[in-house]
N, C-alpha and C. Protein backbone atom coordinates (compact mmCIF):
# COMPACT_ATOMS: atom_id res chain seq x y z
N MET A 1 37.67 99.25 75.14
CA MET A 1 37.22 98.75 76.44
C MET A 1 36.08 97.75 76.25
N ILE A 2 36.21 96.56 76.83
CA ILE A 2 35.19 95.53 76.72
C ILE A 2 34.21 95.67 77.87
N LYS A 3 32.93 95.91 77.55
CA LYS A 3 31.91 96.04 78.59
C LYS A 3 31.35 94.66 78.94
N VAL A 4 31.43 94.31 80.22
CA VAL A 4 31.01 92.99 80.67
C VAL A 4 29.87 93.09 81.68
N LEU A 5 28.83 92.26 81.48
CA LEU A 5 27.75 92.13 82.44
C LEU A 5 27.88 90.77 83.12
N LEU A 6 27.87 90.74 84.44
CA LEU A 6 27.89 89.49 85.19
C LEU A 6 26.46 89.11 85.56
N VAL A 7 26.14 87.80 85.44
CA VAL A 7 24.80 87.33 85.78
C VAL A 7 24.94 86.14 86.72
N ASP A 8 24.62 86.37 88.00
CA ASP A 8 24.80 85.32 89.00
C ASP A 8 23.98 85.69 90.23
N ASP A 9 23.22 84.72 90.78
CA ASP A 9 22.41 85.03 91.95
C ASP A 9 23.20 84.94 93.26
N GLN A 10 24.46 84.52 93.17
CA GLN A 10 25.31 84.50 94.36
C GLN A 10 26.21 85.74 94.32
N MET A 11 25.80 86.76 95.04
CA MET A 11 26.47 88.06 94.96
C MET A 11 27.93 88.01 95.38
N LEU A 12 28.24 87.20 96.39
CA LEU A 12 29.62 87.12 96.86
C LEU A 12 30.55 86.62 95.75
N LEU A 13 30.08 85.59 95.05
CA LEU A 13 30.86 85.06 93.93
C LEU A 13 30.97 86.09 92.82
N ALA A 14 29.86 86.73 92.50
CA ALA A 14 29.85 87.73 91.43
C ALA A 14 30.80 88.89 91.74
N GLU A 15 30.83 89.31 92.99
CA GLU A 15 31.73 90.41 93.37
C GLU A 15 33.19 89.97 93.22
N GLY A 16 33.46 88.70 93.54
CA GLY A 16 34.81 88.18 93.37
C GLY A 16 35.23 88.16 91.91
N ILE A 17 34.30 87.75 91.05
CA ILE A 17 34.58 87.73 89.61
C ILE A 17 34.79 89.15 89.09
N ARG A 18 33.98 90.09 89.57
CA ARG A 18 34.14 91.49 89.17
C ARG A 18 35.54 91.99 89.54
N SER A 19 35.99 91.67 90.75
CA SER A 19 37.31 92.10 91.20
C SER A 19 38.41 91.55 90.30
N VAL A 20 38.26 90.29 89.90
CA VAL A 20 39.26 89.66 89.02
C VAL A 20 39.29 90.37 87.67
N LEU A 21 38.11 90.55 87.07
CA LEU A 21 38.05 91.14 85.72
C LEU A 21 38.57 92.57 85.70
N GLN A 22 38.33 93.31 86.76
CA GLN A 22 38.71 94.72 86.77
C GLN A 22 40.20 94.93 87.01
N THR A 23 40.94 93.84 87.16
CA THR A 23 42.40 93.97 87.19
C THR A 23 42.94 94.16 85.77
N SER A 24 42.08 93.92 84.76
CA SER A 24 42.48 94.13 83.36
C SER A 24 42.08 95.53 82.91
N GLU A 25 43.00 96.25 82.32
CA GLU A 25 42.72 97.60 81.83
C GLU A 25 41.76 97.60 80.64
N ASP A 26 41.59 96.44 80.00
CA ASP A 26 40.76 96.35 78.79
C ASP A 26 39.30 95.99 79.10
N ILE A 27 38.99 95.72 80.36
CA ILE A 27 37.65 95.24 80.72
C ILE A 27 37.00 96.17 81.74
N ARG A 28 35.71 96.46 81.51
CA ARG A 28 34.94 97.23 82.50
C ARG A 28 33.65 96.48 82.79
N VAL A 29 33.46 96.10 84.05
CA VAL A 29 32.23 95.43 84.47
C VAL A 29 31.15 96.49 84.67
N ILE A 30 30.09 96.40 83.87
CA ILE A 30 29.06 97.44 83.91
C ILE A 30 27.96 97.14 84.91
N GLY A 31 27.99 95.92 85.50
CA GLY A 31 26.98 95.62 86.50
C GLY A 31 26.83 94.13 86.75
N ILE A 32 25.98 93.82 87.73
CA ILE A 32 25.68 92.43 88.08
C ILE A 32 24.16 92.25 88.08
N ALA A 33 23.69 91.27 87.31
CA ALA A 33 22.26 90.91 87.31
C ALA A 33 22.13 89.62 88.12
N GLN A 34 21.04 89.50 88.87
CA GLN A 34 20.91 88.34 89.76
C GLN A 34 20.05 87.21 89.21
N ASP A 35 19.52 87.38 88.00
CA ASP A 35 18.84 86.28 87.32
C ASP A 35 18.74 86.60 85.83
N GLY A 36 18.26 85.63 85.05
CA GLY A 36 18.21 85.81 83.61
C GLY A 36 17.28 86.92 83.16
N ALA A 37 16.17 87.09 83.87
CA ALA A 37 15.22 88.14 83.49
C ALA A 37 15.84 89.52 83.64
N GLU A 38 16.55 89.73 84.75
CA GLU A 38 17.21 91.02 84.96
C GLU A 38 18.32 91.22 83.93
N ALA A 39 19.01 90.13 83.59
CA ALA A 39 20.09 90.21 82.58
C ALA A 39 19.53 90.67 81.24
N LEU A 40 18.38 90.11 80.86
CA LEU A 40 17.74 90.47 79.59
C LEU A 40 17.39 91.96 79.57
N GLU A 41 16.83 92.46 80.66
CA GLU A 41 16.46 93.88 80.73
C GLU A 41 17.71 94.77 80.65
N ARG A 42 18.77 94.38 81.31
CA ARG A 42 19.99 95.19 81.29
C ARG A 42 20.64 95.17 79.91
N CYS A 43 20.51 94.04 79.21
CA CYS A 43 21.07 93.96 77.85
C CYS A 43 20.29 94.87 76.90
N LYS A 44 18.98 95.02 77.14
CA LYS A 44 18.18 95.92 76.32
C LYS A 44 18.64 97.37 76.49
N LYS A 45 19.01 97.72 77.73
CA LYS A 45 19.35 99.11 78.03
C LYS A 45 20.83 99.43 77.82
N GLU A 46 21.71 98.47 78.12
CA GLU A 46 23.13 98.78 78.17
C GLU A 46 23.99 98.11 77.10
N ALA A 47 23.47 97.09 76.43
CA ALA A 47 24.18 96.39 75.35
C ALA A 47 25.64 96.09 75.71
N PRO A 48 25.87 95.19 76.67
CA PRO A 48 27.26 94.81 76.98
C PRO A 48 27.90 94.09 75.79
N ASP A 49 29.21 94.05 75.78
CA ASP A 49 29.92 93.30 74.73
C ASP A 49 29.94 91.81 75.06
N VAL A 50 30.15 91.51 76.35
CA VAL A 50 30.25 90.12 76.81
C VAL A 50 29.41 89.96 78.08
N VAL A 51 28.68 88.85 78.14
CA VAL A 51 27.92 88.50 79.34
C VAL A 51 28.51 87.21 79.92
N LEU A 52 28.84 87.23 81.21
CA LEU A 52 29.25 86.01 81.92
C LEU A 52 28.01 85.51 82.66
N MET A 53 27.50 84.35 82.25
CA MET A 53 26.17 83.90 82.65
C MET A 53 26.22 82.62 83.47
N ASP A 54 25.62 82.65 84.67
CA ASP A 54 25.45 81.43 85.44
C ASP A 54 24.31 80.61 84.82
N ILE A 55 24.20 79.33 85.20
CA ILE A 55 23.16 78.47 84.65
C ILE A 55 21.92 78.44 85.54
N ARG A 56 22.09 78.00 86.77
CA ARG A 56 20.94 77.81 87.66
C ARG A 56 20.67 79.09 88.44
N MET A 57 19.54 79.73 88.09
CA MET A 57 19.14 80.97 88.75
C MET A 57 17.62 81.03 88.82
N PRO A 58 17.07 81.78 89.77
CA PRO A 58 15.61 81.92 89.84
C PRO A 58 15.08 82.75 88.68
N ASN A 59 13.77 82.69 88.47
CA ASN A 59 13.04 83.49 87.46
C ASN A 59 13.32 83.10 86.02
N MET A 60 14.58 83.10 85.62
CA MET A 60 14.94 82.67 84.26
C MET A 60 16.36 82.10 84.31
N ASN A 61 16.51 80.83 83.92
CA ASN A 61 17.84 80.24 84.01
C ASN A 61 18.76 80.74 82.90
N GLY A 62 20.03 80.34 82.98
CA GLY A 62 21.03 80.86 82.05
C GLY A 62 20.85 80.43 80.61
N VAL A 63 20.32 79.22 80.40
CA VAL A 63 20.12 78.73 79.02
C VAL A 63 19.03 79.55 78.33
N VAL A 64 17.90 79.74 79.02
CA VAL A 64 16.80 80.53 78.45
C VAL A 64 17.24 81.98 78.24
N ALA A 65 17.94 82.52 79.23
CA ALA A 65 18.41 83.91 79.11
C ALA A 65 19.37 84.07 77.95
N THR A 66 20.22 83.09 77.73
CA THR A 66 21.14 83.14 76.60
C THR A 66 20.38 83.22 75.28
N LYS A 67 19.37 82.37 75.14
CA LYS A 67 18.55 82.37 73.92
C LYS A 67 17.87 83.72 73.70
N ARG A 68 17.27 84.27 74.77
CA ARG A 68 16.55 85.53 74.65
C ARG A 68 17.48 86.69 74.33
N ILE A 69 18.65 86.70 74.96
CA ILE A 69 19.60 87.79 74.71
C ILE A 69 20.13 87.73 73.28
N LYS A 70 20.42 86.53 72.79
CA LYS A 70 20.92 86.39 71.42
C LYS A 70 19.85 86.79 70.40
N GLU A 71 18.58 86.53 70.73
CA GLU A 71 17.49 86.97 69.85
C GLU A 71 17.38 88.49 69.87
N LEU A 72 17.65 89.08 71.01
CA LEU A 72 17.60 90.54 71.15
C LEU A 72 18.75 91.20 70.42
N ASN A 73 19.96 90.67 70.61
CA ASN A 73 21.16 91.27 70.02
C ASN A 73 22.20 90.18 69.82
N ASP A 74 22.30 89.70 68.60
CA ASP A 74 23.20 88.57 68.31
C ASP A 74 24.68 88.95 68.48
N GLY A 75 24.95 90.24 68.53
CA GLY A 75 26.34 90.68 68.67
C GLY A 75 26.89 90.53 70.08
N ILE A 76 26.01 90.35 71.06
CA ILE A 76 26.46 90.17 72.45
C ILE A 76 27.03 88.76 72.60
N LYS A 77 28.24 88.68 73.10
CA LYS A 77 28.89 87.38 73.32
C LYS A 77 28.54 86.90 74.73
N ILE A 78 28.13 85.65 74.83
CA ILE A 78 27.73 85.10 76.13
C ILE A 78 28.61 83.90 76.47
N ILE A 79 29.23 83.97 77.63
CA ILE A 79 30.02 82.85 78.15
C ILE A 79 29.30 82.31 79.38
N ILE A 80 29.00 81.03 79.36
CA ILE A 80 28.43 80.39 80.53
C ILE A 80 29.56 80.16 81.54
N LEU A 81 29.36 80.65 82.76
CA LEU A 81 30.35 80.48 83.83
C LEU A 81 29.63 79.86 85.01
N THR A 82 29.89 78.59 85.26
CA THR A 82 29.07 77.85 86.22
C THR A 82 29.87 76.77 86.93
N THR A 83 29.25 76.18 87.94
CA THR A 83 29.89 75.05 88.62
C THR A 83 29.44 73.72 88.02
N PHE A 84 28.49 73.75 87.10
CA PHE A 84 27.90 72.52 86.56
C PHE A 84 28.49 72.17 85.19
N ASP A 85 28.99 70.93 85.06
CA ASP A 85 29.54 70.51 83.76
C ASP A 85 28.68 69.41 83.13
N ASP A 86 27.37 69.43 83.42
CA ASP A 86 26.43 68.48 82.85
C ASP A 86 26.34 68.68 81.34
N SER A 87 26.43 67.59 80.57
CA SER A 87 26.48 67.70 79.11
C SER A 87 25.20 68.30 78.54
N ASP A 88 24.03 68.06 79.19
CA ASP A 88 22.78 68.65 78.70
C ASP A 88 22.82 70.17 78.79
N TYR A 89 23.34 70.69 79.90
CA TYR A 89 23.49 72.13 80.05
C TYR A 89 24.43 72.69 78.98
N ILE A 90 25.55 72.01 78.80
CA ILE A 90 26.56 72.48 77.85
C ILE A 90 25.98 72.57 76.44
N LEU A 91 25.37 71.47 76.00
CA LEU A 91 24.82 71.44 74.64
C LEU A 91 23.69 72.44 74.46
N SER A 92 22.82 72.56 75.48
CA SER A 92 21.72 73.52 75.39
C SER A 92 22.24 74.95 75.28
N ALA A 93 23.25 75.26 76.09
CA ALA A 93 23.81 76.61 76.06
C ALA A 93 24.45 76.92 74.71
N ILE A 94 25.25 76.00 74.20
CA ILE A 94 25.92 76.21 72.91
C ILE A 94 24.88 76.32 71.79
N ASN A 95 23.88 75.43 71.82
CA ASN A 95 22.84 75.45 70.78
C ASN A 95 22.02 76.74 70.81
N ASN A 96 21.96 77.38 71.97
CA ASN A 96 21.20 78.63 72.09
C ASN A 96 22.06 79.87 71.89
N GLY A 97 23.29 79.67 71.44
CA GLY A 97 24.09 80.82 71.03
C GLY A 97 25.25 81.22 71.92
N ALA A 98 25.50 80.45 73.00
CA ALA A 98 26.62 80.80 73.87
C ALA A 98 27.95 80.67 73.12
N SER A 99 28.87 81.59 73.41
CA SER A 99 30.19 81.56 72.77
C SER A 99 31.17 80.67 73.51
N GLY A 100 30.77 80.20 74.68
CA GLY A 100 31.68 79.35 75.43
C GLY A 100 31.07 78.88 76.73
N TYR A 101 31.77 78.00 77.41
CA TYR A 101 31.27 77.38 78.62
C TYR A 101 32.46 77.16 79.54
N LEU A 102 32.50 77.85 80.68
CA LEU A 102 33.61 77.76 81.61
C LEU A 102 33.12 77.32 82.98
N LEU A 103 34.00 76.66 83.72
CA LEU A 103 33.68 76.30 85.10
C LEU A 103 34.29 77.32 86.04
N LYS A 104 33.64 77.50 87.20
CA LYS A 104 34.05 78.58 88.11
C LYS A 104 35.38 78.34 88.82
N ASP A 105 35.97 77.16 88.62
CA ASP A 105 37.29 76.93 89.20
C ASP A 105 38.41 77.44 88.28
N ILE A 106 38.03 78.16 87.22
CA ILE A 106 39.01 78.70 86.27
C ILE A 106 39.90 79.73 86.97
N GLY A 107 41.16 79.82 86.55
CA GLY A 107 42.09 80.79 87.12
C GLY A 107 41.80 82.21 86.64
N SER A 108 42.32 83.19 87.37
CA SER A 108 42.06 84.61 87.06
C SER A 108 42.52 84.99 85.66
N THR A 109 43.76 84.62 85.33
CA THR A 109 44.31 84.98 84.02
C THR A 109 43.52 84.33 82.90
N ALA A 110 43.16 83.06 83.09
CA ALA A 110 42.41 82.33 82.06
C ALA A 110 41.02 82.95 81.86
N LEU A 111 40.41 83.42 82.95
CA LEU A 111 39.09 84.05 82.84
C LEU A 111 39.18 85.36 82.05
N ILE A 112 40.16 86.16 82.35
CA ILE A 112 40.35 87.42 81.61
C ILE A 112 40.61 87.14 80.13
N ASP A 113 41.46 86.15 79.87
CA ASP A 113 41.75 85.78 78.47
C ASP A 113 40.50 85.29 77.76
N ALA A 114 39.66 84.53 78.48
CA ALA A 114 38.43 84.00 77.88
C ALA A 114 37.49 85.12 77.47
N VAL A 115 37.37 86.13 78.31
CA VAL A 115 36.50 87.28 77.99
C VAL A 115 37.03 88.00 76.74
N LYS A 116 38.34 88.21 76.69
CA LYS A 116 38.94 88.89 75.53
C LYS A 116 38.78 88.06 74.26
N ASN A 117 38.96 86.75 74.39
CA ASN A 117 38.87 85.88 73.21
C ASN A 117 37.44 85.77 72.71
N ALA A 118 36.48 85.71 73.63
CA ALA A 118 35.07 85.67 73.22
C ALA A 118 34.70 86.97 72.51
N TYR A 119 35.16 88.08 73.05
CA TYR A 119 34.90 89.39 72.44
C TYR A 119 35.47 89.43 71.01
N ALA A 120 36.60 88.74 70.81
CA ALA A 120 37.23 88.70 69.48
C ALA A 120 36.55 87.71 68.53
N GLY A 121 35.59 86.95 69.07
CA GLY A 121 34.84 86.03 68.20
C GLY A 121 35.19 84.57 68.35
N ASP A 122 36.05 84.23 69.30
CA ASP A 122 36.44 82.83 69.48
C ASP A 122 35.39 82.07 70.28
N THR A 123 35.39 80.75 70.12
CA THR A 123 34.56 79.88 70.95
C THR A 123 35.42 79.39 72.11
N ILE A 124 34.90 79.51 73.32
CA ILE A 124 35.67 79.20 74.51
C ILE A 124 35.20 77.87 75.10
N LEU A 125 35.97 76.82 74.86
CA LEU A 125 35.63 75.50 75.39
C LEU A 125 36.89 74.80 75.89
N PRO A 126 37.11 74.77 77.19
CA PRO A 126 38.25 74.03 77.73
C PRO A 126 38.18 72.56 77.34
N ALA A 127 39.30 71.87 77.35
CA ALA A 127 39.37 70.48 76.89
C ALA A 127 38.36 69.58 77.61
N LYS A 128 38.20 69.78 78.92
CA LYS A 128 37.27 68.95 79.70
C LYS A 128 35.84 69.11 79.19
N ILE A 129 35.46 70.34 78.88
CA ILE A 129 34.10 70.62 78.39
C ILE A 129 33.94 70.09 76.96
N ALA A 130 34.96 70.28 76.13
CA ALA A 130 34.91 69.78 74.75
C ALA A 130 34.71 68.26 74.73
N ARG A 131 35.38 67.57 75.65
CA ARG A 131 35.22 66.11 75.73
C ARG A 131 33.79 65.74 76.11
N LYS A 132 33.21 66.51 77.02
CA LYS A 132 31.81 66.27 77.41
C LYS A 132 30.89 66.36 76.20
N ILE A 133 31.10 67.38 75.38
CA ILE A 133 30.27 67.59 74.19
C ILE A 133 30.44 66.43 73.21
N THR A 134 31.70 66.05 73.00
CA THR A 134 32.00 64.94 72.08
C THR A 134 31.34 63.66 72.55
N ASP A 135 31.45 63.38 73.85
CA ASP A 135 30.86 62.16 74.42
C ASP A 135 29.35 62.18 74.30
N ALA A 136 28.75 63.34 74.57
CA ALA A 136 27.29 63.47 74.50
C ALA A 136 26.80 63.27 73.06
N ALA A 137 27.53 63.87 72.12
CA ALA A 137 27.16 63.74 70.70
C ALA A 137 27.26 62.28 70.25
N ALA A 138 28.29 61.59 70.73
CA ALA A 138 28.47 60.18 70.38
C ALA A 138 27.33 59.34 70.93
N MET A 139 26.89 59.66 72.16
CA MET A 139 25.77 58.93 72.75
C MET A 139 24.48 59.14 71.97
N VAL A 140 24.26 60.38 71.51
CA VAL A 140 23.08 60.69 70.69
C VAL A 140 23.12 59.90 69.39
N ALA A 141 24.31 59.88 68.75
CA ALA A 141 24.47 59.15 67.49
C ALA A 141 24.23 57.66 67.69
N ASP A 142 24.77 57.10 68.79
CA ASP A 142 24.58 55.67 69.07
C ASP A 142 23.11 55.36 69.28
N ASP A 143 22.41 56.26 69.98
CA ASP A 143 20.99 56.06 70.25
C ASP A 143 20.18 56.06 68.95
N LYS A 144 20.51 56.99 68.05
CA LYS A 144 19.82 57.06 66.76
C LYS A 144 20.04 55.77 65.96
N GLN A 145 21.28 55.32 65.95
CA GLN A 145 21.59 54.12 65.17
C GLN A 145 20.89 52.89 65.73
N LEU A 146 20.81 52.80 67.06
CA LEU A 146 20.13 51.66 67.68
C LEU A 146 18.64 51.67 67.33
N LYS A 147 18.04 52.87 67.34
CA LYS A 147 16.61 52.99 66.99
C LYS A 147 16.36 52.52 65.56
N LEU A 148 17.23 52.94 64.63
CA LEU A 148 17.08 52.55 63.23
C LEU A 148 17.23 51.05 63.07
N LYS A 149 18.22 50.52 63.75
CA LYS A 149 18.51 49.08 63.64
C LYS A 149 17.30 48.26 64.08
N LYS A 150 16.70 48.67 65.21
CA LYS A 150 15.56 47.93 65.74
C LYS A 150 14.31 48.13 64.89
N ALA A 151 14.11 49.35 64.41
CA ALA A 151 12.88 49.68 63.68
C ALA A 151 12.79 48.94 62.35
N PHE A 152 13.91 48.81 61.67
CA PHE A 152 13.87 48.26 60.31
C PHE A 152 14.73 47.01 60.10
N ASN A 153 15.26 46.48 61.20
CA ASN A 153 16.09 45.27 61.12
C ASN A 153 17.27 45.45 60.17
N LEU A 154 17.96 46.60 60.32
CA LEU A 154 19.10 46.91 59.46
C LEU A 154 20.39 46.36 60.05
N SER A 155 21.32 46.04 59.17
CA SER A 155 22.66 45.65 59.62
C SER A 155 23.42 46.90 60.03
N ASP A 156 24.58 46.72 60.67
CA ASP A 156 25.38 47.87 61.09
C ASP A 156 25.75 48.75 59.90
N ARG A 157 26.16 48.13 58.80
CA ARG A 157 26.54 48.89 57.60
C ARG A 157 25.33 49.59 57.00
N GLU A 158 24.18 48.93 57.00
CA GLU A 158 22.96 49.55 56.48
C GLU A 158 22.53 50.75 57.32
N VAL A 159 22.71 50.64 58.63
CA VAL A 159 22.40 51.76 59.51
C VAL A 159 23.29 52.95 59.17
N GLU A 160 24.57 52.68 58.99
CA GLU A 160 25.54 53.73 58.64
C GLU A 160 25.13 54.44 57.35
N ILE A 161 24.75 53.66 56.36
CA ILE A 161 24.35 54.23 55.07
C ILE A 161 23.01 54.94 55.17
N ALA A 162 22.09 54.38 55.95
CA ALA A 162 20.78 55.02 56.14
C ALA A 162 20.94 56.41 56.75
N MET A 163 21.84 56.54 57.73
CA MET A 163 22.08 57.85 58.35
C MET A 163 22.62 58.84 57.32
N MET A 164 23.46 58.36 56.41
CA MET A 164 24.03 59.22 55.37
C MET A 164 22.97 59.62 54.36
N ILE A 165 22.05 58.70 54.06
CA ILE A 165 20.92 59.04 53.17
C ILE A 165 20.10 60.17 53.79
N ALA A 166 19.81 60.04 55.09
CA ALA A 166 19.03 61.06 55.79
C ALA A 166 19.75 62.41 55.79
N ASP A 167 21.08 62.38 55.78
CA ASP A 167 21.87 63.61 55.79
C ASP A 167 22.09 64.19 54.39
N GLY A 168 21.53 63.51 53.36
CA GLY A 168 21.58 64.06 52.01
C GLY A 168 22.76 63.63 51.15
N PHE A 169 23.50 62.62 51.58
CA PHE A 169 24.62 62.14 50.78
C PHE A 169 24.11 61.47 49.50
N THR A 170 24.82 61.66 48.40
CA THR A 170 24.49 60.96 47.16
C THR A 170 25.10 59.56 47.20
N ASN A 171 24.68 58.70 46.24
CA ASN A 171 25.24 57.35 46.17
C ASN A 171 26.77 57.40 46.04
N ARG A 172 27.25 58.28 45.19
CA ARG A 172 28.68 58.36 44.96
C ARG A 172 29.42 58.84 46.21
N GLN A 173 28.83 59.79 46.92
CA GLN A 173 29.47 60.29 48.15
C GLN A 173 29.51 59.20 49.22
N ILE A 174 28.44 58.41 49.28
CA ILE A 174 28.41 57.31 50.24
C ILE A 174 29.49 56.29 49.90
N ALA A 175 29.57 55.94 48.62
CA ALA A 175 30.58 54.97 48.18
C ALA A 175 31.98 55.46 48.50
N SER A 176 32.23 56.72 48.21
CA SER A 176 33.55 57.30 48.45
C SER A 176 33.90 57.34 49.94
N ALA A 177 32.94 57.79 50.76
CA ALA A 177 33.19 57.93 52.20
C ALA A 177 33.45 56.58 52.86
N LEU A 178 32.74 55.54 52.40
CA LEU A 178 32.85 54.22 53.02
C LEU A 178 33.77 53.28 52.25
N LYS A 179 34.42 53.84 51.21
CA LYS A 179 35.37 53.06 50.40
C LYS A 179 34.71 51.80 49.81
N LEU A 180 33.54 52.03 49.21
CA LEU A 180 32.80 50.97 48.53
C LEU A 180 32.80 51.25 47.03
N THR A 181 32.57 50.22 46.23
CA THR A 181 32.36 50.47 44.80
C THR A 181 30.96 51.07 44.64
N ASP A 182 30.75 51.77 43.51
CA ASP A 182 29.43 52.36 43.27
C ASP A 182 28.34 51.28 43.28
N GLY A 183 28.66 50.12 42.69
CA GLY A 183 27.68 49.03 42.62
C GLY A 183 27.33 48.49 43.99
N THR A 184 28.33 48.34 44.84
CA THR A 184 28.09 47.83 46.20
C THR A 184 27.23 48.82 46.99
N ALA A 185 27.53 50.10 46.83
CA ALA A 185 26.74 51.13 47.52
C ALA A 185 25.29 51.07 47.06
N ARG A 186 25.09 50.93 45.74
CA ARG A 186 23.72 50.85 45.21
C ARG A 186 22.98 49.64 45.77
N ASN A 187 23.70 48.51 45.89
CA ASN A 187 23.07 47.29 46.41
C ASN A 187 22.61 47.49 47.86
N TYR A 188 23.47 48.12 48.66
CA TYR A 188 23.11 48.41 50.05
C TYR A 188 21.87 49.31 50.11
N ILE A 189 21.88 50.33 49.27
CA ILE A 189 20.77 51.30 49.28
C ILE A 189 19.47 50.64 48.84
N SER A 190 19.54 49.77 47.84
CA SER A 190 18.35 49.03 47.40
C SER A 190 17.81 48.15 48.54
N ALA A 191 18.72 47.51 49.27
CA ALA A 191 18.31 46.66 50.40
C ALA A 191 17.65 47.50 51.49
N ILE A 192 18.18 48.69 51.71
CA ILE A 192 17.60 49.60 52.72
C ILE A 192 16.20 50.02 52.30
N TYR A 193 16.03 50.39 51.02
CA TYR A 193 14.71 50.77 50.51
C TYR A 193 13.71 49.65 50.75
N LEU A 194 14.14 48.41 50.50
CA LEU A 194 13.27 47.25 50.64
C LEU A 194 12.83 47.09 52.10
N LYS A 195 13.77 47.21 53.02
CA LYS A 195 13.46 47.05 54.44
C LYS A 195 12.60 48.20 54.96
N LEU A 196 12.77 49.38 54.39
CA LEU A 196 11.98 50.53 54.81
C LEU A 196 10.60 50.55 54.15
N GLY A 197 10.45 49.77 53.06
CA GLY A 197 9.19 49.75 52.33
C GLY A 197 8.98 51.00 51.51
N VAL A 198 10.06 51.55 50.93
CA VAL A 198 9.97 52.77 50.12
C VAL A 198 10.63 52.52 48.77
N ASP A 199 10.37 53.44 47.82
CA ASP A 199 10.98 53.25 46.50
C ASP A 199 11.68 54.51 45.99
N SER A 200 11.96 55.46 46.90
CA SER A 200 12.68 56.67 46.48
C SER A 200 13.56 57.17 47.62
N ARG A 201 14.57 57.94 47.24
CA ARG A 201 15.50 58.48 48.23
C ARG A 201 14.77 59.45 49.19
N ALA A 202 13.90 60.29 48.65
CA ALA A 202 13.18 61.25 49.48
C ALA A 202 12.32 60.54 50.52
N ALA A 203 11.63 59.48 50.09
CA ALA A 203 10.78 58.73 51.01
C ALA A 203 11.63 58.02 52.06
N ALA A 204 12.79 57.50 51.65
CA ALA A 204 13.69 56.84 52.59
C ALA A 204 14.18 57.82 53.63
N ALA A 205 14.62 58.99 53.17
CA ALA A 205 15.15 60.01 54.10
C ALA A 205 14.08 60.42 55.10
N GLU A 206 12.87 60.59 54.61
CA GLU A 206 11.76 61.02 55.49
C GLU A 206 11.47 59.96 56.55
N LYS A 207 11.46 58.68 56.13
CA LYS A 207 11.15 57.60 57.05
C LYS A 207 12.26 57.43 58.09
N ILE A 208 13.50 57.56 57.65
CA ILE A 208 14.65 57.45 58.57
C ILE A 208 14.58 58.56 59.61
N LYS A 209 14.34 59.78 59.15
CA LYS A 209 14.28 60.93 60.08
C LYS A 209 13.14 60.80 61.08
N SER A 210 12.05 60.16 60.67
CA SER A 210 10.90 59.99 61.57
C SER A 210 11.21 59.05 62.74
N LYS A 211 12.24 58.24 62.55
CA LYS A 211 12.59 57.25 63.58
C LYS A 211 13.72 57.72 64.50
N VAL A 212 14.43 58.77 64.08
CA VAL A 212 15.57 59.22 64.90
C VAL A 212 15.36 60.64 65.39
């Protein structure tokens, strides 16, 4: 039996979700918390298997509550269930340990399946949400590259290689990934060192990271 805690300040919605989940013989809703602080206290006492967590709530929002609950008991699976598909919310929730992110327009069967799959250890991200994450990550990457380009007057290829240096790639790995000869890769890296005003890989990585 999967023990589920619902966390939502809109009781009518929460009661509806409880009714849906309890149509499954494998799921038992152990209660409803009306904010993140109450959810944290109930997790201390009752240790649910899965928490369905809203985002915007008084006292403690869903992102903070997710972080606190995972610090308390990493074994508790948390699925964000909300009306908001803002990429900042999504990334914050996932980064703080959420096992998935669902919108409240999800169908009954899909919601029950999501709870079971999260309990089994799966990550629950519908295609629409996954695209949001991908788009947000791409925007972050573009922003980092633009900052590097402006800070050190790097070419597009030099920016690409600089990011790889910061991520710990060796010369050979850079050459292989970008289909360059070892000599060409070395030439690019030497040019990057010159523009950054450094003479070692460690110093280059540190300077690059300071700008992004």
